Amino acid sequence: MRLPLARRARLLGRRAGLDVRRWREVAGYDLAPFRGRVRLLQQLEASVALDVGANRGQWALALRSAGFGGPIVSFEPLREPFTAIEARCATDPGWEVHHLALADADGQLEMNVALDSAGSSVLGVSSRMINAIPAMSAVGRETVPSRRLDSIALPGGPYFLKIDVQGFERWVLDGAAGILAQVPGAELELSFHHLYDGDATIREMLDLMHDRGYELLTVIPGILDPTHDLPLQVDGIFVRRELSAVSLESG
């Protein structure tokens, strides 16, 4: 069977030590929605992107590749992904990374390390998530340092706050209370079901963000349940209520 040209190019590139991707795709992300994010940040005058739950830096790299030129501050608590993102941002002077979990208090946390590190969480994973995506199963635990976001010295804002912490969003937001007035926009995972112990569903997160002065602007497709081909999660883009007339273009 003859392989498609794009796949053949990737295979040949890998043999030569290169990572060959379509021009509109970086780190596994389609760049079209990220160009929309960049335009939104410009409309919101958000000069700094805060990448909470950075894993290996995929989101930050896609944002940068889509044209965002401002500072990026990433936070990743687990040792292995932190080492990977630290190496990845070494050539970008505007991208810094902190080996930290963000929470509602400074101290330490015990994290459940998933087979796929992107699914790791302070919270225990539910059987629904494991049945849908077995790689989200916990295979170990790791003690990590934790800080409140509003206790950390950051570049001058305003900030766009992306949180991808597998159900731990409420605690991160509580620890960011002191800077939310400087956060005109935010991006959070929204779950249709309880996927981690003690997490919030999409209805609860919409209420929580409303109480903090934000309205949902749009959603972007997220994790699918491969058994039923239905979404488990989407990524929600929020803006402060007084800025809700802005738009997220994805062209």
Protein backbone atom coordinates (compact mmCIF):
# COMPACT_ATOMS: atom_id res chain seq x y z
CA MET A 1 0.00 0.00 0.00
CA ARG A 2 1.38 3.41 -0.99
CA LEU A 3 1.53 5.87 1.89
CA PRO A 4 0.07 9.39 1.48
CA LEU A 5 2.65 12.00 0.51
CA ALA A 6 2.40 13.86 3.85
CA ARG A 7 3.02 10.68 5.86
CA ARG A 8 5.91 9.66 3.60
CA ALA A 9 7.46 13.10 4.12
CA ARG A 10 7.20 12.71 7.90
CA LEU A 11 8.75 9.27 7.86
CA LEU A 12 11.63 10.43 5.67
CA GLY A 13 12.10 13.48 7.90
CA ARG A 14 12.22 11.38 11.06
CA ARG A 15 14.87 9.12 9.53
CA ALA A 16 16.90 12.26 8.89
CA GLY A 17 16.32 13.53 12.43
CA LEU A 18 13.75 16.15 11.38
CA ASP A 19 10.16 16.76 12.46
CA VAL A 20 8.20 17.39 9.27
CA ARG A 21 4.68 18.73 9.77
CA ARG A 22 2.10 20.54 7.73
CA TRP A 23 2.65 24.30 7.89
CA ARG A 24 -0.58 24.78 9.86
CA GLU A 25 0.13 22.12 12.51
CA VAL A 26 2.61 22.31 15.41
CA ALA A 27 3.02 20.05 18.46
CA GLY A 28 -0.05 18.10 17.40
CA TYR A 29 -2.23 21.22 17.37
CA ASP A 30 -4.00 22.72 14.36
CA LEU A 31 -2.74 26.30 14.25
CA ALA A 32 -5.95 27.81 12.83
CA PRO A 33 -7.68 28.13 16.24
CA PHE A 34 -4.44 29.41 17.72
CA ARG A 35 -4.33 32.25 15.21
CA GLY A 36 -7.81 33.07 16.48
CA ARG A 37 -6.46 33.04 20.04
CA VAL A 38 -3.66 35.40 19.04
CA ARG A 39 -6.16 37.85 17.55
CA LEU A 40 -8.26 37.60 20.70
CA LEU A 41 -5.23 38.38 22.89
CA GLN A 42 -4.61 41.44 20.74
CA GLN A 43 -8.22 42.59 21.15
CA LEU A 44 -8.01 42.06 24.90
CA GLU A 45 -4.62 43.80 25.02
CA ALA A 46 -3.33 40.75 26.94
CA SER A 47 0.43 41.08 26.62
CA VAL A 48 1.44 37.94 28.60
CA ALA A 49 0.24 34.34 28.25
CA LEU A 50 0.15 32.25 31.43
CA ASP A 51 0.31 28.53 30.60
CA VAL A 52 -0.81 26.57 33.68
CA GLY A 53 -0.45 22.83 33.34
CA ALA A 54 2.04 23.12 30.51
CA ASN A 55 3.00 19.44 30.16
CA ARG A 56 5.73 19.50 27.46
CA GLY A 57 4.84 22.98 26.21
CA GLN A 58 2.55 21.98 23.36
CA TRP A 59 0.02 24.78 23.90
CA ALA A 60 2.66 27.48 24.35
CA LEU A 61 4.59 26.32 21.29
CA ALA A 62 1.43 26.38 19.16
CA LEU A 63 0.53 29.87 20.45
CA ARG A 64 4.03 31.12 19.63
CA SER A 65 3.97 29.46 16.20
CA ALA A 66 0.61 31.11 15.48
CA GLY A 67 2.19 34.53 15.91
CA PHE A 68 2.05 35.49 19.60
CA GLY A 69 5.19 37.51 20.31
CA GLY A 70 4.72 38.44 23.97
CA PRO A 71 6.07 36.75 27.09
CA ILE A 72 4.86 33.24 27.90
CA VAL A 73 5.11 31.92 31.46
CA SER A 74 4.56 28.16 31.76
CA PHE A 75 4.01 26.11 34.91
CA GLU A 76 4.60 22.34 34.97
CA PRO A 77 4.91 20.38 38.24
CA LEU A 78 6.05 16.92 37.08
CA ARG A 79 9.79 16.30 36.66
CA GLU A 80 9.80 14.52 33.31
CA PRO A 81 7.55 16.93 31.36
CA PHE A 82 9.25 19.90 33.04
CA THR A 83 12.65 18.73 31.73
CA ALA A 84 11.16 18.46 28.24
CA ILE A 85 9.58 21.93 28.27
CA GLU A 86 12.70 23.48 29.81
CA ALA A 87 14.72 22.20 26.84
CA ARG A 88 12.03 23.30 24.41
CA CYS A 89 11.93 26.92 25.59
CA ALA A 90 15.72 27.30 25.95
CA THR A 91 15.98 29.03 22.56
CA ASP A 92 13.05 31.40 23.21
CA PRO A 93 14.09 34.26 25.53
CA GLY A 94 10.46 35.34 25.93
CA TRP A 95 9.31 31.97 27.27
CA GLU A 96 10.01 31.01 30.89
CA VAL A 97 8.98 27.88 32.74
CA HIS A 98 8.49 27.19 36.46
CA HIS A 99 8.66 23.75 38.08
CA LEU A 100 5.47 24.28 40.07
CA ALA A 101 1.87 23.21 40.55
CA LEU A 102 -0.49 26.13 41.02
CA ALA A 103 -3.03 25.85 43.81
CA ASP A 104 -4.84 27.85 46.49
CA ALA A 105 -1.90 27.70 48.93
CA ASP A 106 1.89 27.58 48.89
CA GLY A 107 3.35 24.24 49.93
CA GLN A 108 3.44 20.76 48.40
CA LEU A 109 0.94 18.47 46.69
CA GLU A 110 0.81 14.78 45.85
CA MET A 111 0.07 14.24 42.17
CA ASN A 112 -1.23 11.12 40.48
CA VAL A 113 1.07 10.52 37.50
CA ALA A 114 -0.83 9.12 34.51
CA LEU A 115 0.51 6.79 31.85
CA ASP A 116 0.02 9.76 29.51
CA SER A 117 1.58 12.52 31.61
CA ALA A 118 -0.85 15.09 30.17
CA GLY A 119 -3.61 13.33 32.14
CA SER A 120 -1.86 13.62 35.52
CA SER A 121 -3.78 15.35 38.28
CA VAL A 122 -3.83 16.14 41.98
CA LEU A 123 -7.28 14.52 41.89
CA GLY A 124 -8.01 10.85 41.46
CA VAL A 125 -9.14 9.83 37.98
CA SER A 126 -12.64 8.41 37.48
CA SER A 127 -13.54 5.08 35.94
CA ARG A 128 -15.41 6.91 33.18
CA MET A 129 -12.19 8.60 32.07
CA ILE A 130 -10.13 5.41 32.33
CA ASN A 131 -12.72 3.42 30.36
CA ALA A 132 -12.69 6.05 27.64
CA ILE A 133 -8.94 6.69 27.61
CA PRO A 134 -6.90 3.98 29.40
CA ALA A 135 -3.71 6.08 29.14
CA MET A 136 -5.21 8.40 31.76
CA SER A 137 -4.76 5.67 34.38
CA ALA A 138 -2.46 6.58 37.28
CA VAL A 139 0.81 4.64 37.32
CA GLY A 140 2.57 6.44 40.18
CA ARG A 141 2.64 9.42 42.52
CA GLU A 142 4.97 12.39 42.75
CA THR A 143 5.34 15.10 45.40
CA VAL A 144 5.45 18.51 43.76
CA PRO A 145 5.91 22.10 44.98
CA SER A 146 2.80 24.30 44.87
CA ARG A 147 2.29 28.07 44.85
CA ARG A 148 -0.54 30.54 44.55
CA LEU A 149 -0.35 32.27 41.18
CA ASP A 150 -0.89 35.66 42.80
CA SER A 151 2.20 35.10 45.00
CA ILE A 152 4.55 34.73 42.01
CA ALA A 153 6.48 37.59 40.42
CA LEU A 154 5.18 37.84 36.85
CA PRO A 155 5.93 40.11 33.90
CA GLY A 156 3.60 43.09 33.80
CA GLY A 157 0.15 42.20 32.41
CA PRO A 158 -2.60 42.17 31.36
CA TYR A 159 -2.63 38.36 31.21
CA PHE A 160 -4.35 35.63 29.25
CA LEU A 161 -4.70 32.68 31.64
CA LYS A 162 -4.81 29.14 30.22
CA ILE A 163 -5.50 26.40 32.80
CA ASP A 164 -5.21 22.71 31.88
CA VAL A 165 -4.99 20.86 35.20
CA GLN A 166 -7.34 17.87 34.91
CA GLY A 167 -10.14 18.92 37.23
CA PHE A 168 -8.08 21.12 39.59
CA GLU A 169 -9.18 24.42 38.00
CA ARG A 170 -11.12 25.73 41.02
CA TRP A 171 -8.07 25.63 43.27
CA VAL A 172 -5.89 27.33 40.66
CA LEU A 173 -8.47 30.10 40.26
CA ASP A 174 -8.69 30.56 44.03
CA GLY A 175 -4.90 31.01 44.10
CA ALA A 176 -5.12 33.56 41.28
CA ALA A 177 -7.70 35.77 43.00
CA GLY A 178 -5.22 38.60 43.51
CA ILE A 179 -4.49 39.03 39.80
CA LEU A 180 -7.82 38.19 38.13
CA ALA A 181 -8.55 41.90 37.68
CA GLN A 182 -5.56 41.85 35.30
CA VAL A 183 -6.85 38.79 33.40
CA PRO A 184 -9.24 39.91 30.64
CA GLY A 185 -9.39 36.42 29.13
CA ALA A 186 -8.97 32.81 30.18
CA GLU A 187 -9.07 29.31 28.70
CA LEU A 188 -10.21 26.32 30.76
CA GLU A 189 -11.13 22.69 30.19
CA LEU A 190 -14.87 22.08 30.59
CA SER A 191 -16.06 18.54 31.30
CA PHE A 192 -19.51 17.16 30.50
CA HIS A 193 -19.13 14.53 33.24
CA HIS A 194 -17.17 14.14 36.47
CA LEU A 195 -13.85 12.79 35.16
CA TYR A 196 -11.75 13.34 38.32
CA ASP A 197 -12.66 13.05 42.00
CA GLY A 198 -13.98 16.39 43.20
CA ASP A 199 -13.84 18.15 39.81
CA ALA A 200 -16.51 20.48 38.45
CA THR A 201 -18.74 19.84 35.44
CA ILE A 202 -19.27 22.39 32.68
CA ARG A 203 -22.40 23.76 34.38
CA GLU A 204 -20.50 24.29 37.65
CA MET A 205 -17.54 25.90 35.88
CA LEU A 206 -19.78 28.31 33.98
CA ASP A 207 -21.33 29.41 37.30
CA LEU A 208 -17.91 29.66 38.94
CA MET A 209 -16.51 31.82 36.13
CA HIS A 210 -19.66 33.96 36.10
CA ASP A 211 -19.21 34.62 39.81
CA ARG A 212 -15.65 35.81 39.05
CA GLY A 213 -16.86 38.23 36.39
CA TYR A 214 -16.40 36.18 33.20
CA GLU A 215 -18.67 35.12 30.35
CA LEU A 216 -18.14 32.19 28.00
CA LEU A 217 -17.12 33.45 24.57
CA THR A 218 -16.78 30.18 22.66
CA VAL A 219 -15.75 26.54 22.96
CA ILE A 220 -13.11 24.57 21.06
CA PRO A 221 -13.35 20.77 20.58
CA GLY A 222 -11.39 18.80 23.15
CA ILE A 223 -11.22 15.14 24.26
CA LEU A 224 -13.53 12.61 22.59
CA ASP A 225 -14.78 9.38 24.12
CA PRO A 226 -13.62 6.94 21.41
CA THR A 227 -16.27 4.40 22.42
CA HIS A 228 -19.15 6.69 21.47
CA ASP A 229 -17.30 9.37 19.46
CA LEU A 230 -18.84 12.01 21.73
CA PRO A 231 -16.99 14.81 23.56
CA LEU A 232 -15.88 14.33 27.15
CA GLN A 233 -14.41 17.81 27.34
CA VAL A 234 -14.18 21.06 25.40
CA ASP A 235 -11.91 24.05 25.93
CA GLY A 236 -13.86 27.12 26.98
CA ILE A 237 -12.64 30.64 26.16
CA PHE A 238 -13.85 33.22 28.70
CA VAL A 239 -13.63 37.00 28.72
CA ARG A 240 -14.45 39.50 31.41
CA ARG A 241 -18.11 40.47 31.25
CA GLU A 242 -17.45 44.05 30.21
CA LEU A 243 -15.41 42.76 27.22
CA SER A 244 -17.91 40.17 25.97
CA ALA A 245 -18.39 41.97 22.64
CA VAL A 246 -15.00 40.74 21.37
CA SER A 247 -14.89 37.77 18.98
CA LEU A 248 -12.67 34.73 18.48
CA GLU A 249 -11.91 34.32 14.78
CA SER A 250 -10.30 31.08 13.63
CA GLY A 251 -9.57 31.76 9.98
